[in-house]
C-alpha atoms as a PDB file:
ATOM      1  CA  MET A   1      -0.036  -0.039  -0.120  1.00  0.00           C
ATOM      2  CA  ASP A   2       1.501   3.352  -1.225  1.00  0.00           C
ATOM      3  CA  SER A   3       1.704   5.753   1.894  1.00  0.00           C
ATOM      4  CA  LYS A   4       2.783   8.743  -0.045  1.00  0.00           C
ATOM      5  CA  MET A   5      -0.390  10.637   0.334  1.00  0.00           C
ATOM      6  CA  ALA A   6      -1.459   9.827   4.025  1.00  0.00           C
ATOM      7  CA  ALA A   7      -4.695  11.310   3.344  1.00  0.00           C
ATOM      8  CA  VAL A   8      -6.647  12.695   6.372  1.00  0.00           C
ATOM      9  CA  TYR A   9     -10.086  13.855   6.456  1.00  0.00           C
ATOM     10  CA  ALA A  10     -12.074  15.604   9.038  1.00  0.00           C
ATOM     11  CA  ASN A  11     -15.280  13.351   9.186  1.00  0.00           C
ATOM     12  CA  MET A  12     -17.201  10.376   7.863  1.00  0.00           C
ATOM     13  CA  GLN A  13     -19.122  12.790   5.415  1.00  0.00           C
ATOM     14  CA  GLU A  14     -15.734  13.739   3.887  1.00  0.00           C
ATOM     15  CA  ILE A  15     -14.580  10.055   3.762  1.00  0.00           C
ATOM     16  CA  LEU A  16     -17.746   9.034   1.731  1.00  0.00           C
ATOM     17  CA  ALA A  17     -17.733  11.886  -0.649  1.00  0.00           C
ATOM     18  CA  ALA A  18     -13.988  10.887  -1.410  1.00  0.00           C
ATOM     19  CA  LEU A  19     -14.425   7.030  -1.034  1.00  0.00           C
ATOM     20  CA  PRO A  20     -18.012   6.331  -1.960  1.00  0.00           C
ATOM     21  CA  ALA A  21     -19.051   2.927  -0.720  1.00  0.00           C
ATOM     22  CA  GLU A  22     -22.526   1.101  -0.257  1.00  0.00           C
ATOM     23  CA  TYR A  23     -21.094  -1.488   2.401  1.00  0.00           C
ATOM     24  CA  LEU A  24     -19.180  -0.634   5.638  1.00  0.00           C
ATOM     25  CA  ILE A  25     -17.384  -2.858   7.654  1.00  0.00           C
ATOM     26  CA  VAL A  26     -16.975  -1.202  10.864  1.00  0.00           C
ATOM     27  CA  ASP A  27     -14.661  -2.070  13.985  1.00  0.00           C
ATOM     28  CA  LEU A  28     -16.301  -2.088  17.578  1.00  0.00           C
ATOM     29  CA  TRP A  29     -13.634  -1.541  20.082  1.00  0.00           C
ATOM     30  CA  GLY A  30     -11.810   1.607  19.360  1.00  0.00           C
ATOM     31  CA  VAL A  31     -14.368   3.062  16.808  1.00  0.00           C
ATOM     32  CA  ILE A  32     -17.925   2.283  18.316  1.00  0.00           C
ATOM     33  CA  HIS A  33     -16.881   1.936  21.666  1.00  0.00           C
ATOM     34  CA  ASP A  34     -14.141   1.278  24.226  1.00  0.00           C
ATOM     35  CA  GLY A  35     -15.543  -1.775  25.780  1.00  0.00           C
ATOM     36  CA  VAL A  36     -17.596   0.143  28.391  1.00  0.00           C
ATOM     37  CA  TYR A  37     -18.901   3.671  26.970  1.00  0.00           C
ATOM     38  CA  PRO A  38     -19.583   4.655  23.286  1.00  0.00           C
ATOM     39  CA  TYR A  39     -17.329   7.293  21.628  1.00  0.00           C
ATOM     40  CA  PRO A  40     -19.021  10.619  21.563  1.00  0.00           C
ATOM     41  CA  GLY A  41     -20.969  11.301  18.337  1.00  0.00           C
ATOM     42  CA  VAL A  42     -21.224   7.438  17.146  1.00  0.00           C
ATOM     43  CA  LYS A  43     -24.813   7.245  17.364  1.00  0.00           C
ATOM     44  CA  GLU A  44     -25.782  10.625  15.409  1.00  0.00           C
ATOM     45  CA  THR A  45     -23.033   9.070  12.666  1.00  0.00           C
ATOM     46  CA  LEU A  46     -24.807   5.815  12.638  1.00  0.00           C
ATOM     47  CA  GLU A  47     -28.077   7.745  12.203  1.00  0.00           C
ATOM     48  CA  ARG A  48     -26.734   9.793   9.548  1.00  0.00           C
ATOM     49  CA  LEU A  49     -25.324   6.527   7.742  1.00  0.00           C
ATOM     50  CA  LYS A  50     -28.642   4.592   8.150  1.00  0.00           C
ATOM     51  CA  GLN A  51     -30.246   7.922   6.505  1.00  0.00           C
ATOM     52  CA  ALA A  52     -27.725   7.691   3.521  1.00  0.00           C
ATOM     53  CA  ASN A  53     -28.755   3.723   2.996  1.00  0.00           C
ATOM     54  CA  LYS A  54     -25.448   2.287   3.946  1.00  0.00           C
ATOM     55  CA  LYS A  55     -25.129  -1.281   4.977  1.00  0.00           C
ATOM     56  CA  ILE A  56     -23.177  -1.505   8.278  1.00  0.00           C
ATOM     57  CA  LEU A  57     -21.616  -4.726   9.368  1.00  0.00           C
ATOM     58  CA  PHE A  58     -19.615  -4.345  12.624  1.00  0.00           C
ATOM     59  CA  LEU A  59     -16.713  -6.851  12.631  1.00  0.00           C
ATOM     60  CA  SER A  60     -14.826  -7.420  15.947  1.00  0.00           C
ATOM     61  CA  ASN A  61     -12.129  -9.272  17.252  1.00  0.00           C
ATOM     62  CA  ALA A  62     -14.000 -10.154  20.653  1.00  0.00           C
ATOM     63  CA  PRO A  63     -13.715 -13.435  21.512  1.00  0.00           C
ATOM     64  CA  ARG A  64     -17.107 -13.964  22.050  1.00  0.00           C
ATOM     65  CA  ARG A  65     -20.473 -14.788  20.052  1.00  0.00           C
ATOM     66  CA  ALA A  66     -21.899 -12.204  18.024  1.00  0.00           C
ATOM     67  CA  GLN A  67     -25.011 -12.302  20.299  1.00  0.00           C
ATOM     68  CA  ARG A  68     -22.774 -11.018  23.009  1.00  0.00           C
ATOM     69  CA  ALA A  69     -21.418  -8.170  20.995  1.00  0.00           C
ATOM     70  CA  VAL A  70     -25.193  -7.155  20.115  1.00  0.00           C
ATOM     71  CA  GLU A  71     -26.037  -7.293  23.903  1.00  0.00           C
ATOM     72  CA  THR A  72     -23.276  -4.928  24.612  1.00  0.00           C
ATOM     73  CA  LEU A  73     -24.220  -2.484  21.750  1.00  0.00           C
ATOM     74  CA  THR A  74     -28.020  -2.369  23.328  1.00  0.00           C
ATOM     75  CA  ARG A  75     -26.821  -1.709  26.498  1.00  0.00           C
ATOM     76  CA  MET A  76     -25.107   1.443  24.898  1.00  0.00           C
ATOM     77  CA  ASP A  77     -28.433   2.184  23.427  1.00  0.00           C
ATOM     78  CA  ILE A  78     -27.114   1.399  19.956  1.00  0.00           C
ATOM     79  CA  SER A  79     -29.891  -0.873  18.513  1.00  0.00           C
ATOM     80  CA  GLY A  80     -30.565  -3.100  15.492  1.00  0.00           C
ATOM     81  CA  GLU A  81     -31.916  -0.418  13.613  1.00  0.00           C
ATOM     82  CA  TYR A  82     -28.466   1.248  13.158  1.00  0.00           C
ATOM     83  CA  TYR A  83     -26.703  -1.741  11.373  1.00  0.00           C
ATOM     84  CA  HIS A  84     -27.238  -4.725   9.698  1.00  0.00           C
ATOM     85  CA  PHE A  85     -24.954  -7.554  11.083  1.00  0.00           C
ATOM     86  CA  VAL A  86     -22.645  -8.131  13.637  1.00  0.00           C
ATOM     87  CA  LEU A  87     -19.722 -10.482  13.244  1.00  0.00           C
ATOM     88  CA  THR A  88     -17.014 -11.631  15.738  1.00  0.00           C
ATOM     89  CA  SER A  89     -13.704 -13.532  15.780  1.00  0.00           C
ATOM     90  CA  GLY A  90     -15.391 -15.657  18.432  1.00  0.00           C
ATOM     91  CA  GLU A  91     -18.228 -16.391  16.344  1.00  0.00           C
ATOM     92  CA  VAL A  92     -15.829 -17.694  13.669  1.00  0.00           C
ATOM     93  CA  THR A  93     -13.965 -19.653  15.967  1.00  0.00           C
ATOM     94  CA  HIS A  94     -17.158 -21.429  17.183  1.00  0.00           C
ATOM     95  CA  ASP A  95     -18.163 -22.233  13.830  1.00  0.00           C
ATOM     96  CA  PHE A  96     -14.769 -23.622  12.983  1.00  0.00           C
ATOM     97  CA  VAL A  97     -14.629 -26.230  16.388  1.00  0.00           C
ATOM     98  CA  LYS A  98     -18.451 -26.822  15.501  1.00  0.00           C
ATOM     99  CA  LYS A  99     -17.325 -28.482  11.948  1.00  0.00           C
ATOM    100  CA  LYS A 100     -14.016 -29.788  12.914  1.00  0.00           C
ATOM    101  CA  TYR A 101     -14.823 -31.370  16.410  1.00  0.00           C
ATOM    102  CA  THR A 102     -17.877 -33.481  16.933  1.00  0.00           C
ATOM    103  CA  SER A 103     -16.967 -34.994  20.473  1.00  0.00           C
ATOM    104  CA  GLY A 104     -13.930 -34.769  22.975  1.00  0.00           C
ATOM    105  CA  SER A 105     -12.640 -32.384  25.127  1.00  0.00           C
ATOM    106  CA  TYR A 106     -11.112 -29.218  25.057  1.00  0.00           C
ATOM    107  CA  TYR A 107      -8.527 -26.709  27.292  1.00  0.00           C
ATOM    108  CA  TYR A 108      -9.730 -23.366  28.001  1.00  0.00           C
ATOM    109  CA  ILE A 109      -7.629 -20.414  28.592  1.00  0.00           C
ATOM    110  CA  GLY A 110      -8.991 -17.090  29.632  1.00  0.00           C
ATOM    111  CA  PRO A 111     -11.369 -15.209  31.791  1.00  0.00           C
ATOM    112  CA  GLU A 112     -14.694 -17.150  33.000  1.00  0.00           C
ATOM    113  CA  LYS A 113     -16.594 -14.335  31.624  1.00  0.00           C
ATOM    114  CA  ASP A 114     -15.883 -15.836  28.244  1.00  0.00           C
ATOM    115  CA  ALA A 115     -15.706 -19.361  29.032  1.00  0.00           C
ATOM    116  CA  GLY A 116     -19.167 -20.061  27.431  1.00  0.00           C
ATOM    117  CA  LEU A 117     -18.006 -19.683  23.841  1.00  0.00           C
ATOM    118  CA  LEU A 118     -18.069 -23.273  23.142  1.00  0.00           C
ATOM    119  CA  ALA A 119     -20.626 -24.245  25.749  1.00  0.00           C
ATOM    120  CA  ASP A 120     -23.338 -25.124  23.228  1.00  0.00           C
ATOM    121  CA  LEU A 121     -21.070 -27.607  21.337  1.00  0.00           C
ATOM    122  CA  PRO A 122     -21.097 -31.772  22.400  1.00  0.00           C
ATOM    123  CA  LEU A 123     -17.448 -31.064  23.947  1.00  0.00           C
ATOM    124  CA  THR A 124     -16.397 -31.119  27.422  1.00  0.00           C
ATOM    125  CA  ARG A 125     -14.028 -28.328  28.936  1.00  0.00           C
ATOM    126  CA  THR A 126     -11.224 -30.153  30.996  1.00  0.00           C
ATOM    127  CA  ALA A 127      -8.695 -28.837  33.432  1.00  0.00           C
ATOM    128  CA  ASP A 128      -6.314 -31.477  31.928  1.00  0.00           C
ATOM    129  CA  ALA A 129      -4.291 -30.799  29.000  1.00  0.00           C
ATOM    130  CA  GLY A 130      -3.561 -34.352  28.514  1.00  0.00           C
ATOM    131  CA  LYS A 131      -7.030 -35.149  27.746  1.00  0.00           C
ATOM    132  CA  ALA A 132      -8.033 -32.212  25.390  1.00  0.00           C
ATOM    133  CA  LYS A 133      -7.665 -32.522  21.808  1.00  0.00           C
ATOM    134  CA  PHE A 134      -7.006 -28.840  21.598  1.00  0.00           C
ATOM    135  CA  ALA A 135      -6.917 -25.695  23.317  1.00  0.00           C
ATOM    136  CA  VAL A 136      -8.674 -22.350  22.810  1.00  0.00           C
ATOM    137  CA  VAL A 137      -7.783 -18.934  24.256  1.00  0.00           C
ATOM    138  CA  THR A 138      -9.776 -15.846  24.596  1.00  0.00           C
ATOM    139  CA  GLY A 139      -7.636 -13.531  26.820  1.00  0.00           C
ATOM    140  CA  TYR A 140      -6.489 -12.598  30.138  1.00  0.00           C
ATOM    141  CA  ASP A 141      -8.264 -12.808  33.408  1.00  0.00           C
ATOM    142  CA  ASN A 142      -8.295  -9.055  34.075  1.00  0.00           C
ATOM    143  CA  ASP A 143      -7.375  -5.523  32.137  1.00  0.00           C
ATOM    144  CA  ASP A 144      -3.940  -5.543  34.265  1.00  0.00           C
ATOM    145  CA  SER A 145      -3.106  -8.789  34.026  1.00  0.00           C
ATOM    146  CA  PRO A 146       0.682  -9.253  33.746  1.00  0.00           C
ATOM    147  CA  TYR A 147       1.615 -10.845  29.997  1.00  0.00           C
ATOM    148  CA  ASP A 148       2.985 -14.073  31.569  1.00  0.00           C
ATOM    149  CA  GLU A 149      -0.315 -14.865  33.501  1.00  0.00           C
ATOM    150  CA  LYS A 150      -1.097 -17.924  31.347  1.00  0.00           C
ATOM    151  CA  LYS A 151       2.545 -19.575  31.107  1.00  0.00           C
ATOM    152  CA  LYS A 152       1.636 -22.527  33.136  1.00  0.00           C
ATOM    153  CA  ASP A 153      -1.298 -23.160  30.570  1.00  0.00           C
ATOM    154  CA  LEU A 154       0.896 -22.740  27.818  1.00  0.00           C
ATOM    155  CA  ASP A 155       3.634 -25.217  29.552  1.00  0.00           C
ATOM    156  CA  ALA A 156       0.803 -27.560  29.675  1.00  0.00           C
ATOM    157  CA  CYS A 157      -0.445 -27.268  26.338  1.00  0.00           C
ATOM    158  CA  ILE A 158       3.090 -27.532  24.775  1.00  0.00           C
ATOM    159  CA  ARG A 159       3.783 -30.838  26.666  1.00  0.00           C
ATOM    160  CA  HIS A 160       0.662 -32.515  24.899  1.00  0.00           C
ATOM    161  CA  LYS A 161       1.241 -30.611  21.697  1.00  0.00           C
ATOM    162  CA  LEU A 162      -2.161 -29.290  21.549  1.00  0.00           C
ATOM    163  CA  PRO A 163      -3.126 -27.024  18.784  1.00  0.00           C
ATOM    164  CA  LEU A 164      -4.058 -23.512  20.016  1.00  0.00           C
ATOM    165  CA  LEU A 165      -7.089 -21.805  18.592  1.00  0.00           C
ATOM    166  CA  CYS A 166      -6.819 -17.920  19.264  1.00  0.00           C
ATOM    167  CA  ALA A 167     -10.444 -16.313  19.446  1.00  0.00           C
ATOM    168  CA  ASN A 168      -8.863 -12.931  19.542  1.00  0.00           C
ATOM    169  CA  PRO A 169      -5.641 -11.857  17.511  1.00  0.00           C
ATOM    170  CA  ASP A 170      -5.412  -8.449  19.090  1.00  0.00           C
ATOM    171  CA  PHE A 171      -2.335  -7.850  21.145  1.00  0.00           C
ATOM    172  CA  GLU A 172      -4.047  -5.136  22.988  1.00  0.00           C
ATOM    173  CA  VAL A 173      -6.869  -2.598  22.945  1.00  0.00           C
ATOM    174  CA  VAL A 174      -7.450   0.794  24.646  1.00  0.00           C
ATOM    175  CA  ARG A 175     -10.143   2.418  26.808  1.00  0.00           C
ATOM    176  CA  GLN A 176     -11.007   6.179  26.314  1.00  0.00           C
ATOM    177  CA  ASN A 177      -9.170   7.029  29.506  1.00  0.00           C
ATOM    178  CA  GLY A 178      -6.134   5.676  27.880  1.00  0.00           C
ATOM    179  CA  VAL A 179      -5.763   2.459  29.704  1.00  0.00           C
ATOM    180  CA  ARG A 180      -4.462  -0.439  27.485  1.00  0.00           C
ATOM    181  CA  VAL A 181      -5.872  -3.879  27.796  1.00  0.00           C
ATOM    182  CA  PRO A 182      -3.873  -6.823  26.917  1.00  0.00           C
ATOM    183  CA  CYS A 183      -5.448  -9.604  24.514  1.00  0.00           C
ATOM    184  CA  ALA A 184      -5.273 -12.916  23.525  1.00  0.00           C
ATOM    185  CA  GLY A 185      -3.083 -12.472  20.697  1.00  0.00           C
ATOM    186  CA  ILE A 186       0.066 -12.008  23.105  1.00  0.00           C
ATOM    187  CA  ILE A 187      -0.613 -15.240  24.701  1.00  0.00           C
ATOM    188  CA  ALA A 188      -1.010 -16.979  21.218  1.00  0.00           C
ATOM    189  CA  ALA A 189       2.185 -15.218  20.048  1.00  0.00           C
ATOM    190  CA  GLU A 190       4.055 -16.540  22.955  1.00  0.00           C
ATOM    191  CA  TYR A 191       2.608 -20.167  22.275  1.00  0.00           C
ATOM    192  CA  GLU A 192       4.319 -19.712  18.781  1.00  0.00           C
ATOM    193  CA  SER A 193       7.331 -18.889  20.130  1.00  0.00           C
ATOM    194  CA  MET A 194       7.652 -21.860  22.336  1.00  0.00           C
ATOM    195  CA  GLY A 195       7.105 -24.255  19.056  1.00  0.00           C
ATOM    196  CA  GLY A 196       3.187 -24.553  19.334  1.00  0.00           C
ATOM    197  CA  GLU A 197       0.579 -24.594  16.431  1.00  0.00           C
ATOM    198  CA  VAL A 198      -1.905 -21.665  16.624  1.00  0.00           C
ATOM    199  CA  MET A 199      -4.841 -20.963  14.460  1.00  0.00           C
ATOM    200  CA  TYR A 200      -5.968 -17.256  14.485  1.00  0.00           C
ATOM    201  CA  PHE A 201      -9.540 -16.378  14.072  1.00  0.00           C
ATOM    202  CA  GLY A 202     -10.537 -12.686  13.459  1.00  0.00           C
ATOM    203  CA  LYS A 203      -9.000  -9.702  11.705  1.00  0.00           C
ATOM    204  CA  PRO A 204      -6.718  -9.792   9.717  1.00  0.00           C
ATOM    205  CA  HIS A 205      -7.219 -13.172   8.678  1.00  0.00           C
ATOM    206  CA  GLU A 206      -9.082 -14.214   5.796  1.00  0.00           C
ATOM    207  CA  ALA A 207     -11.887 -16.358   7.238  1.00  0.00           C
ATOM    208  CA  VAL A 208     -13.615 -13.488   8.812  1.00  0.00           C
ATOM    209  CA  TYR A 209     -13.672 -11.542   5.733  1.00  0.00           C
ATOM    210  CA  ASN A 210     -15.102 -14.492   3.837  1.00  0.00           C
ATOM    211  CA  ARG A 211     -18.122 -14.458   6.329  1.00  0.00           C
ATOM    212  CA  ALA A 212     -18.555 -10.829   6.133  1.00  0.00           C
ATOM    213  CA  ARG A 213     -18.806 -10.619   2.292  1.00  0.00           C
ATOM    214  CA  GLU A 214     -21.223 -13.631   2.512  1.00  0.00           C
ATOM    215  CA  LEU A 215     -23.619 -11.694   4.733  1.00  0.00           C
ATOM    216  CA  PHE A 216     -23.259  -8.557   2.363  1.00  0.00           C
ATOM    217  CA  ARG A 217     -23.970 -11.083  -0.496  1.00  0.00           C
ATOM    218  CA  ASN A 218     -20.617 -10.949  -1.925  1.00  0.00           C
ATOM    219  CA  PRO A 219     -20.465  -7.207  -3.355  1.00  0.00           C
ATOM    220  CA  PRO A 220     -17.430  -6.290  -5.229  1.00  0.00           C
ATOM    221  CA  PRO A 221     -14.766  -4.870  -3.115  1.00  0.00           C
ATOM    222  CA  GLU A 222     -14.850  -1.360  -4.698  1.00  0.00           C
ATOM    223  CA  LYS A 223     -18.175  -1.117  -3.106  1.00  0.00           C
ATOM    224  CA  ILE A 224     -16.678  -1.769   0.481  1.00  0.00           C
ATOM    225  CA  LEU A 225     -14.930   0.185   2.962  1.00  0.00           C
ATOM    226  CA  ALA A 226     -13.247  -0.958   5.966  1.00  0.00           C
ATOM    227  CA  ILE A 227     -13.054   1.124   9.123  1.00  0.00           C
ATOM    228  CA  GLY A 228     -10.931   0.434  12.016  1.00  0.00           C
ATOM    229  CA  ASP A 229      -8.324   1.572  14.705  1.00  0.00           C
ATOM    230  CA  ALA A 230      -5.556  -0.772  14.280  1.00  0.00           C
ATOM    231  CA  LEU A 231      -3.094  -1.065  11.492  1.00  0.00           C
ATOM    232  CA  GLU A 232      -2.044  -4.458  12.261  1.00  0.00           C
ATOM    233  CA  THR A 233      -5.769  -6.014  12.199  1.00  0.00           C
ATOM    234  CA  ASP A 234      -8.230  -3.585  10.597  1.00  0.00           C
ATOM    235  CA  ILE A 235      -6.112  -2.062   8.144  1.00  0.00           C
ATOM    236  CA  LYS A 236      -3.929  -5.109   7.163  1.00  0.00           C
ATOM    237  CA  GLY A 237      -6.815  -7.205   6.868  1.00  0.00           C
ATOM    238  CA  ALA A 238      -8.699  -4.958   4.403  1.00  0.00           C
ATOM    239  CA  ASN A 239      -5.815  -4.465   2.288  1.00  0.00           C
ATOM    240  CA  GLY A 240      -5.171  -8.180   2.098  1.00  0.00           C
ATOM    241  CA  GLN A 241      -8.855  -8.301   0.712  1.00  0.00           C
ATOM    242  CA  GLY A 242      -8.390  -5.617  -1.619  1.00  0.00           C
ATOM    243  CA  ILE A 243     -10.946  -3.454   0.057  1.00  0.00           C
ATOM    244  CA  ARG A 244     -10.211   0.303   1.033  1.00  0.00           C
ATOM    245  CA  SER A 245      -9.477   1.089   4.388  1.00  0.00           C
ATOM    246  CA  VAL A 246      -9.959   4.058   6.965  1.00  0.00           C
ATOM    247  CA  LEU A 247      -8.066   4.613  10.034  1.00  0.00           C
ATOM    248  CA  VAL A 248      -9.700   5.996  12.986  1.00  0.00           C
ATOM    249  CA  THR A 249      -7.006   7.765  14.897  1.00  0.00           C
ATOM    250  CA  CYS A 250      -8.583   8.058  18.508  1.00  0.00           C
ATOM    251  CA  GLY A 251      -8.332   4.391  19.150  1.00  0.00           C
ATOM    252  CA  ILE A 252      -4.755   2.315  19.796  1.00  0.00           C
ATOM    253  CA  MET A 253      -2.548   4.511  17.242  1.00  0.00           C
ATOM    254  CA  ALA A 254      -3.347   7.857  19.052  1.00  0.00           C
ATOM    255  CA  GLU A 255      -0.054   7.322  21.491  1.00  0.00           C
ATOM    256  CA  LYS A 256       2.011   6.259  18.411  1.00  0.00           C
ATOM    257  CA  LEU A 257       0.899   9.212  16.358  1.00  0.00           C
ATOM    258  CA  GLY A 258       1.513  11.564  19.447  1.00  0.00           C
ATOM    259  CA  ILE A 259      -2.091  12.880  19.689  1.00  0.00           C
ATOM    260  CA  GLU A 260      -4.827  13.113  22.077  1.00  0.00           C
ATOM    261  CA  PRO A 261      -7.854  11.016  21.054  1.00  0.00           C
ATOM    262  CA  GLY A 262      -9.834  12.930  18.633  1.00  0.00           C
ATOM    263  CA  ASP A 263      -7.106  15.347  17.336  1.00  0.00           C
ATOM    264  CA  MET A 264      -6.328  15.459  13.785  1.00  0.00           C
ATOM    265  CA  PRO A 265      -2.827  13.540  12.939  1.00  0.00           C
ATOM    266  CA  ALA A 266      -0.195  15.373  11.211  1.00  0.00           C
ATOM    267  CA  ARG A 267       0.163  13.929   7.497  1.00  0.00           C
ATOM    268  CA  GLU A 268       3.876  13.419   8.071  1.00  0.00           C
ATOM    269  CA  VAL A 269       3.592  11.810  11.525  1.00  0.00           C
ATOM    270  CA  LEU A 270       0.987   9.537   9.855  1.00  0.00           C
ATOM    271  CA  LYS A 271       3.231   8.818   6.755  1.00  0.00           C
ATOM    272  CA  GLY A 272       5.976   7.764   9.098  1.00  0.00           C
ATOM    273  CA  LEU A 273       4.034   5.455  10.966  1.00  0.00           C
ATOM    274  CA  TYR A 274       2.657   3.793   7.860  1.00  0.00           C
ATOM    275  CA  ASP A 275       6.165   3.331   6.696  1.00  0.00           C
ATOM    276  CA  GLN A 276       7.458   2.022  10.039  1.00  0.00           C
ATOM    277  CA  GLU A 277       4.617  -0.383  10.253  1.00  0.00           C
ATOM    278  CA  LYS A 278       4.630  -1.192   6.484  1.00  0.00           C
ATOM    279  CA  ILE A 279       0.836  -1.009   6.451  1.00  0.00           C
ATOM    280  CA  ALA A 280      -0.992   1.916   5.254  1.00  0.00           C
ATOM    281  CA  ALA A 281      -4.643   2.780   5.332  1.00  0.00           C
ATOM    282  CA  THR A 282      -6.569   4.468   2.124  1.00  0.00           C
ATOM    283  CA  ALA A 283      -7.562   7.383   4.549  1.00  0.00           C
ATOM    284  CA  ALA A 284      -7.609   8.179   8.046  1.00  0.00           C
ATOM    285  CA  ILE A 285     -10.221  10.356  10.438  1.00  0.00           C
ATOM    286  CA  PRO A 286      -9.667  11.471  13.922  1.00  0.00           C
ATOM    287  CA  ALA A 287     -12.815   9.664  15.217  1.00  0.00           C
ATOM    288  CA  PHE A 288     -15.898   8.053  13.642  1.00  0.00           C
ATOM    289  CA  ARG A 289     -17.865  11.064  13.371  1.00  0.00           C
ATOM    290  CA  PHE A 290     -20.198  12.656  10.683  1.00  0.00           C
END
């Protein structure tokens, strides 16, 4: 992706004028909300997009079923009238397991709040890695967990050569107050460094985009626009699918850009970040606002 221009626009109205699109793939954490609260102006933006007849699919690396993400949005007063589909990395993980494993046990690594990911399947959760066919990781126990919190779990899995399914490839996300929250991608990367086999589900990997296109009934890439706050997942994933992408800079990238969330990034700084990461968005905006 050419980073020479490092195009920056003020809002979604300017984006859609410059990059017309009928279908929008929109990230949740870092664009719509921070896991707890919606970002300012989001609901108004969704209302304007609804009026413009845009088809919206929320695509999240949440290690949970899509219905859980819907419930979170509803609690934030973002109802189904503002979007058409919700797809999560957890949902794609669940579907993979459902097709591949019809019986047996699995080893779970993650917080209990997400332990129900595979609960409806004919599988048994086991605390003995030696009895498991595979392991699944959803993340750390708490926002402030140390990165090596799951080392004992990984040691057990590597001893028994378990494939590890990563239900969230993100390394970290950020809240609106600046607190950075570690994610399952860190744990999966550590397992790979130990020589373990890892399968990733979610952005930037292909399977989740295939599902998104199916839900949209397979429109051509030039009619789609992907919007997210992370270069390594949202933008890299869109680029890999030939989809134009918009980087929202109020999320995880704000610190690297040296800006306060909501501020316009300087073009030269943005270009420098693109060159450094070797990933470039088609355009950038300071926040998901109209």
